[in-house]
Amino acid sequence: MKHIKIIVEKHEDGYVAYPLGLKGIVVAEGDTYEQALAEVKSAVQFHLETFGKDALSDDESPVMEAFVAETGVLA
């Protein structure tokens, strides 16, 4: 079993979730945190079944932790 880190973002209209360490784009959404997480897990499973282990990033530099940072920019 491979463990994949998932980012879940809360927005005004629901949640968006996406995995780290996966080649290709996999994004899911849901009305709740749990729904978005379940949807992205299903999408990741489908992605791996479709593209095989080649869809996994090289483990030479795995994501150890993910952080959220904020900074100001001129717009």
Protein backbone atom coordinates (compact mmCIF):
# COMPACT_ATOMS: atom_id res chain seq x y z
CA MET A 1 0.00 0.00 0.00
CA LYS A 2 1.31 3.43 -0.98
CA HIS A 3 0.57 6.44 1.23
CA ILE A 4 -0.10 9.69 -0.61
CA LYS A 5 -0.44 13.12 0.97
CA ILE A 6 -3.63 14.97 0.02
CA ILE A 7 -4.19 18.73 0.09
CA VAL A 8 -7.75 19.77 0.96
CA GLU A 9 -8.72 23.40 0.46
CA LYS A 10 -11.84 24.98 1.93
CA HIS A 11 -13.61 27.49 -0.32
CA GLU A 12 -16.85 29.45 0.07
CA ASP A 13 -18.75 26.94 -2.06
CA GLY A 14 -17.16 23.69 -0.85
CA TYR A 15 -13.88 21.79 -0.70
CA VAL A 16 -11.24 20.94 -3.31
CA ALA A 17 -8.74 18.10 -2.83
CA TYR A 18 -5.67 17.00 -4.78
CA PRO A 19 -2.77 14.62 -4.15
CA LEU A 20 0.94 15.36 -3.90
CA GLY A 21 3.50 13.05 -5.50
CA LEU A 22 1.39 11.88 -8.41
CA LYS A 23 2.17 12.46 -12.08
CA GLY A 24 -0.74 13.96 -13.97
CA ILE A 25 -3.63 16.00 -12.69
CA VAL A 26 -6.11 14.59 -10.21
CA VAL A 27 -8.55 16.98 -8.53
CA ALA A 28 -11.81 16.32 -6.72
CA GLU A 29 -14.39 18.43 -4.96
CA GLY A 30 -17.16 18.02 -2.44
CA ASP A 31 -19.59 19.88 -0.25
CA THR A 32 -17.77 18.64 2.85
CA TYR A 33 -14.17 17.84 3.79
CA GLU A 34 -15.02 14.15 4.03
CA GLN A 35 -16.74 14.10 0.65
CA ALA A 36 -13.84 15.84 -1.10
CA LEU A 37 -11.37 13.43 0.53
CA ALA A 38 -13.42 10.39 -0.49
CA GLU A 39 -13.76 11.71 -4.06
CA VAL A 40 -10.03 12.36 -4.45
CA LYS A 41 -9.18 8.94 -3.03
CA SER A 42 -11.46 7.38 -5.64
CA ALA A 43 -9.92 9.55 -8.38
CA VAL A 44 -6.37 8.60 -7.33
CA GLN A 45 -7.30 4.90 -7.34
CA PHE A 46 -8.77 5.24 -10.84
CA HIS A 47 -5.67 7.16 -12.01
CA LEU A 48 -3.38 4.41 -10.72
CA GLU A 49 -5.52 1.66 -12.25
CA THR A 50 -5.46 3.50 -15.59
CA PHE A 51 -1.78 4.52 -15.74
CA GLY A 52 -0.18 2.01 -13.38
CA LYS A 53 2.75 2.60 -11.06
CA ASP A 54 4.31 4.97 -13.62
CA ALA A 55 1.80 7.56 -12.38
CA LEU A 56 3.61 7.70 -9.03
CA SER A 57 6.39 10.24 -8.61
CA ASP A 58 9.89 8.95 -8.05
CA ASP A 59 10.48 8.23 -4.38
CA GLU A 60 13.94 9.76 -4.57
CA SER A 61 12.49 12.97 -3.16
CA PRO A 62 9.15 12.18 -1.49
CA VAL A 63 6.99 14.90 0.03
CA MET A 64 7.76 14.74 3.74
CA GLU A 65 5.43 17.54 4.86
CA ALA A 66 3.31 20.22 3.21
CA PHE A 67 2.89 23.75 4.55
CA VAL A 68 0.61 26.67 3.79
CA ALA A 69 2.33 30.05 3.67
CA GLU A 70 1.00 33.50 2.91
CA THR A 71 2.77 36.53 1.53
CA GLY A 72 1.80 39.90 0.13
CA VAL A 73 2.26 40.80 -3.55
CA LEU A 74 1.50 43.90 -5.56
CA ALA A 75 -1.55 43.38 -7.74
